[in-house]
């Protein structure tokens, strides 16, 4: 494990992520964030 202080075991990760899909959440890439943000005037 390259960075153990920022890792979860697979079972813990899976149980943490399980409620997200039924709640309508989805994962997006950072490069796609702009598509979901509203433009703000300067």
N, C-alpha and C. Protein backbone atom coordinates (compact mmCIF):
# COMPACT_ATOMS: atom_id res chain seq x y z
N UNK A 1 0.86 -1.18 0.00
CA UNK A 1 0.00 0.00 0.00
C UNK A 1 0.89 1.23 0.00
N UNK A 2 0.68 2.09 -0.96
CA UNK A 2 1.55 3.25 -1.13
C UNK A 2 1.35 4.31 -0.03
N UNK A 3 0.11 4.61 0.30
CA UNK A 3 -0.19 5.64 1.31
C UNK A 3 -1.21 5.08 2.30
N UNK A 4 -0.78 4.30 3.28
CA UNK A 4 -1.74 3.66 4.19
C UNK A 4 -2.56 4.64 5.03
N UNK A 5 -2.10 5.84 5.24
CA UNK A 5 -2.83 6.78 6.08
C UNK A 5 -4.04 7.38 5.35
N UNK A 6 -4.15 7.18 4.06
CA UNK A 6 -5.30 7.68 3.31
C UNK A 6 -6.04 6.54 2.61
N UNK A 7 -6.03 5.38 3.21
CA UNK A 7 -6.65 4.20 2.61
C UNK A 7 -7.69 3.60 3.53
N UNK A 8 -8.62 2.88 2.93
CA UNK A 8 -9.63 2.11 3.67
C UNK A 8 -9.56 0.68 3.18
N UNK A 9 -9.89 -0.24 4.06
CA UNK A 9 -9.96 -1.61 3.57
C UNK A 9 -11.18 -1.71 2.66
N UNK A 10 -11.17 -2.62 1.70
CA UNK A 10 -12.25 -2.70 0.71
C UNK A 10 -13.66 -2.86 1.31
N UNK A 11 -13.80 -3.62 2.37
CA UNK A 11 -15.12 -3.81 2.98
C UNK A 11 -15.65 -2.50 3.58
N UNK A 12 -14.78 -1.75 4.24
CA UNK A 12 -15.19 -0.46 4.82
C UNK A 12 -15.56 0.52 3.73
N UNK A 13 -14.76 0.57 2.67
CA UNK A 13 -15.04 1.46 1.55
C UNK A 13 -16.39 1.11 0.92
N UNK A 14 -16.63 -0.16 0.66
CA UNK A 14 -17.88 -0.60 0.04
C UNK A 14 -19.09 -0.23 0.91
N UNK A 15 -18.99 -0.45 2.21
CA UNK A 15 -20.12 -0.12 3.08
C UNK A 15 -20.34 1.39 3.19
N UNK A 16 -19.28 2.17 3.04
CA UNK A 16 -19.41 3.63 3.07
C UNK A 16 -20.05 4.15 1.78
N UNK A 17 -19.76 3.51 0.67
CA UNK A 17 -20.26 3.96 -0.63
C UNK A 17 -21.66 3.44 -0.96
N UNK A 18 -22.08 2.36 -0.32
CA UNK A 18 -23.35 1.71 -0.64
C UNK A 18 -24.56 2.64 -0.62
N UNK A 19 -24.69 3.56 0.32
CA UNK A 19 -25.89 4.43 0.35
C UNK A 19 -25.90 5.50 -0.74
N UNK A 20 -24.80 5.73 -1.41
CA UNK A 20 -24.72 6.85 -2.34
C UNK A 20 -25.55 6.65 -3.61
N UNK A 21 -25.49 5.47 -4.22
CA UNK A 21 -26.23 5.24 -5.46
C UNK A 21 -27.74 5.36 -5.24
N UNK A 22 -28.31 4.72 -4.24
CA UNK A 22 -29.76 4.88 -4.03
C UNK A 22 -30.15 6.34 -3.73
N UNK A 23 -29.21 7.12 -3.22
CA UNK A 23 -29.49 8.53 -2.93
C UNK A 23 -29.36 9.42 -4.17
N UNK A 24 -28.97 8.81 -5.31
CA UNK A 24 -28.86 9.57 -6.55
C UNK A 24 -27.51 10.22 -6.78
N UNK A 25 -26.53 9.85 -6.00
CA UNK A 25 -25.19 10.42 -6.16
C UNK A 25 -24.46 9.73 -7.30
N UNK A 26 -23.53 10.43 -7.91
CA UNK A 26 -22.69 9.82 -8.92
C UNK A 26 -21.30 10.42 -8.86
N UNK A 27 -20.34 9.67 -9.33
CA UNK A 27 -18.94 10.10 -9.33
C UNK A 27 -18.66 10.78 -10.65
N UNK A 28 -17.99 11.92 -10.60
CA UNK A 28 -17.57 12.60 -11.82
C UNK A 28 -16.08 12.91 -11.72
N UNK A 29 -15.44 13.04 -12.87
CA UNK A 29 -14.03 13.42 -12.90
C UNK A 29 -13.91 14.91 -12.60
N UNK A 30 -12.79 15.29 -12.06
CA UNK A 30 -12.59 16.70 -11.73
C UNK A 30 -12.73 17.58 -12.96
N UNK A 31 -12.31 17.09 -14.12
CA UNK A 31 -12.41 17.89 -15.34
C UNK A 31 -13.87 18.15 -15.74
N UNK A 32 -14.82 17.40 -15.19
CA UNK A 32 -16.23 17.56 -15.52
C UNK A 32 -16.99 18.47 -14.55
N UNK A 33 -16.35 18.90 -13.50
CA UNK A 33 -17.02 19.69 -12.46
C UNK A 33 -17.66 20.95 -13.03
N UNK A 34 -17.00 21.60 -13.97
CA UNK A 34 -17.52 22.83 -14.56
C UNK A 34 -18.88 22.65 -15.20
N UNK A 35 -19.19 21.47 -15.70
CA UNK A 35 -20.48 21.20 -16.32
C UNK A 35 -21.61 21.28 -15.30
N UNK A 36 -21.29 21.10 -14.03
CA UNK A 36 -22.31 21.04 -12.98
C UNK A 36 -22.39 22.30 -12.14
N UNK A 37 -21.50 23.25 -12.37
CA UNK A 37 -21.49 24.50 -11.62
C UNK A 37 -22.10 25.61 -12.46
N UNK A 38 -22.82 26.49 -11.83
CA UNK A 38 -23.38 27.63 -12.52
C UNK A 38 -22.32 28.74 -12.58
N UNK A 39 -22.26 29.41 -13.70
CA UNK A 39 -21.30 30.52 -13.85
C UNK A 39 -21.69 31.66 -12.92
N UNK A 40 -20.69 32.28 -12.33
CA UNK A 40 -20.90 33.40 -11.43
C UNK A 40 -20.36 34.66 -12.11
N UNK A 41 -21.06 35.75 -12.00
CA UNK A 41 -20.55 37.00 -12.62
C UNK A 41 -19.23 37.40 -11.98
N UNK A 42 -18.34 38.03 -12.76
CA UNK A 42 -17.03 38.44 -12.20
C UNK A 42 -17.14 39.51 -11.14
